[in-house]
Amino acid sequence: MRLLKKQIRTERPEREKVSREQALKQVKAFPKRKEKLIAAIREGTR
């Protein structure tokens, strides 16, 4: 018997072109976003 693998394709939006200033802002704001992301993951596991 042969097992069939389900193929799941994820569709991602196209990447945005970001200026240097915007990229720097995102890097500096990452610790705040990281905390929100961790909190969302913790809420979702329960």
PDB file of N, CA and C in Angstrom:
ATOM      1  N   MET A   1       0.836  -1.183   0.000  1.00  0.00           N
ATOM      2  CA  MET A   1       0.000   0.000   0.000  1.00  0.00           C
ATOM      3  C   MET A   1       0.878   1.243   0.000  1.00  0.00           C
ATOM      4  N   ARG A   2       0.417   2.213  -0.681  1.00  0.00           N
ATOM      5  CA  ARG A   2       1.182   3.452  -0.793  1.00  0.00           C
ATOM      6  C   ARG A   2       0.425   4.578  -0.096  1.00  0.00           C
ATOM      7  N   LEU A   3       1.098   5.258   0.803  1.00  0.00           N
ATOM      8  CA  LEU A   3       0.456   6.353   1.521  1.00  0.00           C
ATOM      9  C   LEU A   3       0.494   7.622   0.671  1.00  0.00           C
ATOM     10  N   LEU A   4      -0.617   8.300   0.641  1.00  0.00           N
ATOM     11  CA  LEU A   4      -0.685   9.546  -0.108  1.00  0.00           C
ATOM     12  C   LEU A   4      -0.393  10.710   0.822  1.00  0.00           C
ATOM     13  N   LYS A   5       0.489  11.566   0.387  1.00  0.00           N
ATOM     14  CA  LYS A   5       0.814  12.743   1.182  1.00  0.00           C
ATOM     15  C   LYS A   5      -0.060  13.897   0.728  1.00  0.00           C
ATOM     16  N   LYS A   6      -0.633  14.586   1.683  1.00  0.00           N
ATOM     17  CA  LYS A   6      -1.409  15.767   1.341  1.00  0.00           C
ATOM     18  C   LYS A   6      -0.452  16.933   1.142  1.00  0.00           C
ATOM     19  N   GLN A   7      -0.614  17.622   0.065  1.00  0.00           N
ATOM     20  CA  GLN A   7       0.227  18.766  -0.193  1.00  0.00           C
ATOM     21  C   GLN A   7      -0.551  20.030   0.144  1.00  0.00           C
ATOM     22  N   ILE A   8      -0.001  20.796   1.043  1.00  0.00           N
ATOM     23  CA  ILE A   8      -0.633  22.035   1.452  1.00  0.00           C
ATOM     24  C   ILE A   8       0.223  23.186   0.952  1.00  0.00           C
ATOM     25  N   ARG A   9      -0.369  24.047   0.184  1.00  0.00           N
ATOM     26  CA  ARG A   9       0.361  25.198  -0.321  1.00  0.00           C
ATOM     27  C   ARG A   9      -0.092  26.437   0.432  1.00  0.00           C
ATOM     28  N   THR A  10       0.872  27.174   0.899  1.00  0.00           N
ATOM     29  CA  THR A  10       0.546  28.414   1.581  1.00  0.00           C
ATOM     30  C   THR A  10       0.724  29.562   0.607  1.00  0.00           C
ATOM     31  N   GLU A  11      -0.206  30.459   0.636  1.00  0.00           N
ATOM     32  CA  GLU A  11      -0.120  31.626  -0.226  1.00  0.00           C
ATOM     33  C   GLU A  11       0.330  32.805   0.611  1.00  0.00           C
ATOM     34  N   ARG A  12       1.412  33.399   0.201  1.00  0.00           N
ATOM     35  CA  ARG A  12       1.949  34.540   0.922  1.00  0.00           C
ATOM     36  C   ARG A  12       1.782  35.799   0.088  1.00  0.00           C
ATOM     37  N   PRO A  13       1.547  36.910   0.758  1.00  0.00           N
ATOM     38  CA  PRO A  13       1.501  38.159   0.002  1.00  0.00           C
ATOM     39  C   PRO A  13       2.896  38.521  -0.509  1.00  0.00           C
ATOM     40  N   GLU A  14       2.933  39.312  -1.541  1.00  0.00           N
ATOM     41  CA  GLU A  14       4.220  39.716  -2.089  1.00  0.00           C
ATOM     42  C   GLU A  14       4.960  40.580  -1.077  1.00  0.00           C
ATOM     43  N   ARG A  15       6.277  40.513  -1.103  1.00  0.00           N
ATOM     44  CA  ARG A  15       7.081  41.292  -0.170  1.00  0.00           C
ATOM     45  C   ARG A  15       7.016  42.773  -0.506  1.00  0.00           C
ATOM     46  N   GLU A  16       6.954  43.566   0.539  1.00  0.00           N
ATOM     47  CA  GLU A  16       6.957  45.007   0.353  1.00  0.00           C
ATOM     48  C   GLU A  16       8.383  45.510   0.253  1.00  0.00           C
ATOM     49  N   LYS A  17       8.566  46.524  -0.547  1.00  0.00           N
ATOM     50  CA  LYS A  17       9.875  47.161  -0.597  1.00  0.00           C
ATOM     51  C   LYS A  17       9.875  48.240   0.469  1.00  0.00           C
ATOM     52  N   VAL A  18      10.832  48.153   1.379  1.00  0.00           N
ATOM     53  CA  VAL A  18      10.875  49.036   2.539  1.00  0.00           C
ATOM     54  C   VAL A  18      12.136  49.903   2.459  1.00  0.00           C
ATOM     55  N   SER A  19      11.975  51.159   2.829  1.00  0.00           N
ATOM     56  CA  SER A  19      13.138  52.040   2.825  1.00  0.00           C
ATOM     57  C   SER A  19      14.028  51.728   4.026  1.00  0.00           C
ATOM     58  N   ARG A  20      15.218  52.285   4.009  1.00  0.00           N
ATOM     59  CA  ARG A  20      16.140  52.056   5.126  1.00  0.00           C
ATOM     60  C   ARG A  20      15.561  52.536   6.442  1.00  0.00           C
ATOM     61  N   GLU A  21      14.928  53.706   6.406  1.00  0.00           N
ATOM     62  CA  GLU A  21      14.362  54.278   7.635  1.00  0.00           C
ATOM     63  C   GLU A  21      13.251  53.398   8.193  1.00  0.00           C
ATOM     64  N   GLN A  22      12.392  52.905   7.311  1.00  0.00           N
ATOM     65  CA  GLN A  22      11.307  52.034   7.762  1.00  0.00           C
ATOM     66  C   GLN A  22      11.854  50.729   8.328  1.00  0.00           C
ATOM     67  N   ALA A  23      12.873  50.188   7.692  1.00  0.00           N
ATOM     68  CA  ALA A  23      13.467  48.943   8.171  1.00  0.00           C
ATOM     69  C   ALA A  23      14.083  49.150   9.555  1.00  0.00           C
ATOM     70  N   LEU A  24      14.733  50.276   9.752  1.00  0.00           N
ATOM     71  CA  LEU A  24      15.338  50.573  11.052  1.00  0.00           C
ATOM     72  C   LEU A  24      14.273  50.695  12.133  1.00  0.00           C
ATOM     73  N   LYS A  25      13.154  51.330  11.809  1.00  0.00           N
ATOM     74  CA  LYS A  25      12.047  51.457  12.768  1.00  0.00           C
ATOM     75  C   LYS A  25      11.511  50.082  13.151  1.00  0.00           C
ATOM     76  N   GLN A  26      11.375  49.202  12.153  1.00  0.00           N
ATOM     77  CA  GLN A  26      10.855  47.861  12.426  1.00  0.00           C
ATOM     78  C   GLN A  26      11.803  47.074  13.318  1.00  0.00           C
ATOM     79  N   VAL A  27      13.097  47.229  13.087  1.00  0.00           N
ATOM     80  CA  VAL A  27      14.079  46.511  13.896  1.00  0.00           C
ATOM     81  C   VAL A  27      14.039  47.013  15.331  1.00  0.00           C
ATOM     82  N   LYS A  28      13.917  48.318  15.504  1.00  0.00           N
ATOM     83  CA  LYS A  28      13.881  48.881  16.860  1.00  0.00           C
ATOM     84  C   LYS A  28      12.594  48.511  17.590  1.00  0.00           C
ATOM     85  N   ALA A  29      11.491  48.346  16.848  1.00  0.00           N
ATOM     86  CA  ALA A  29      10.202  48.012  17.458  1.00  0.00           C
ATOM     87  C   ALA A  29      10.025  46.508  17.660  1.00  0.00           C
ATOM     88  N   PHE A  30      10.972  45.703  17.238  1.00  0.00           N
ATOM     89  CA  PHE A  30      10.811  44.248  17.315  1.00  0.00           C
ATOM     90  C   PHE A  30      10.595  43.723  18.733  1.00  0.00           C
ATOM     91  N   PRO A  31      11.326  44.204  19.751  1.00  0.00           N
ATOM     92  CA  PRO A  31      11.078  43.657  21.095  1.00  0.00           C
ATOM     93  C   PRO A  31       9.623  43.800  21.550  1.00  0.00           C
ATOM     94  N   LYS A  32       8.970  44.908  21.205  1.00  0.00           N
ATOM     95  CA  LYS A  32       7.566  45.088  21.578  1.00  0.00           C
ATOM     96  C   LYS A  32       6.683  44.095  20.827  1.00  0.00           C
ATOM     97  N   ARG A  33       6.939  43.948  19.525  1.00  0.00           N
ATOM     98  CA  ARG A  33       6.145  43.018  18.730  1.00  0.00           C
ATOM     99  C   ARG A  33       6.388  41.584  19.163  1.00  0.00           C
ATOM    100  N   LYS A  34       7.610  41.294  19.585  1.00  0.00           N
ATOM    101  CA  LYS A  34       7.950  39.939  20.021  1.00  0.00           C
ATOM    102  C   LYS A  34       7.136  39.559  21.252  1.00  0.00           C
ATOM    103  N   GLU A  35       7.000  40.487  22.185  1.00  0.00           N
ATOM    104  CA  GLU A  35       6.209  40.219  23.392  1.00  0.00           C
ATOM    105  C   GLU A  35       4.748  39.943  23.042  1.00  0.00           C
ATOM    106  N   LYS A  36       4.191  40.703  22.106  1.00  0.00           N
ATOM    107  CA  LYS A  36       2.803  40.482  21.695  1.00  0.00           C
ATOM    108  C   LYS A  36       2.649  39.131  21.011  1.00  0.00           C
ATOM    109  N   LEU A  37       3.635  38.762  20.207  1.00  0.00           N
ATOM    110  CA  LEU A  37       3.596  37.484  19.505  1.00  0.00           C
ATOM    111  C   LEU A  37       3.643  36.322  20.493  1.00  0.00           C
ATOM    112  N   ILE A  38       4.522  36.414  21.468  1.00  0.00           N
ATOM    113  CA  ILE A  38       4.632  35.353  22.481  1.00  0.00           C
ATOM    114  C   ILE A  38       3.342  35.253  23.280  1.00  0.00           C
ATOM    115  N   ALA A  39       2.754  36.402  23.620  1.00  0.00           N
ATOM    116  CA  ALA A  39       1.494  36.396  24.365  1.00  0.00           C
ATOM    117  C   ALA A  39       0.383  35.740  23.548  1.00  0.00           C
ATOM    118  N   ALA A  40       0.336  36.030  22.257  1.00  0.00           N
ATOM    119  CA  ALA A  40      -0.705  35.441  21.389  1.00  0.00           C
ATOM    120  C   ALA A  40      -0.513  33.932  21.294  1.00  0.00           C
ATOM    121  N   ILE A  41       0.709  33.470  21.222  1.00  0.00           N
ATOM    122  CA  ILE A  41       0.968  32.036  21.135  1.00  0.00           C
ATOM    123  C   ILE A  41       0.557  31.350  22.431  1.00  0.00           C
ATOM    124  N   ARG A  42       0.872  31.984  23.537  1.00  0.00           N
ATOM    125  CA  ARG A  42       0.517  31.385  24.835  1.00  0.00           C
ATOM    126  C   ARG A  42      -0.981  31.303  24.996  1.00  0.00           C
ATOM    127  N   GLU A  43      -1.722  32.313  24.553  1.00  0.00           N
ATOM    128  CA  GLU A  43      -3.180  32.288  24.652  1.00  0.00           C
ATOM    129  C   GLU A  43      -3.764  31.211  23.757  1.00  0.00           C
ATOM    130  N   GLY A  44      -3.167  31.002  22.601  1.00  0.00           N
ATOM    131  CA  GLY A  44      -3.691  30.041  21.647  1.00  0.00           C
ATOM    132  C   GLY A  44      -3.492  28.601  22.043  1.00  0.00           C
ATOM    133  N   THR A  45      -2.523  28.312  22.884  1.00  0.00           N
ATOM    134  CA  THR A  45      -2.256  26.916  23.253  1.00  0.00           C
ATOM    135  C   THR A  45      -3.210  26.412  24.326  1.00  0.00           C
ATOM    136  N   ARG A  46      -3.883  27.251  24.976  1.00  0.00           N
ATOM    137  CA  ARG A  46      -4.796  26.798  26.047  1.00  0.00           C
ATOM    138  C   ARG A  46      -6.183  26.562  25.577  1.00  0.00           C
TER     139      ARG A  46
END
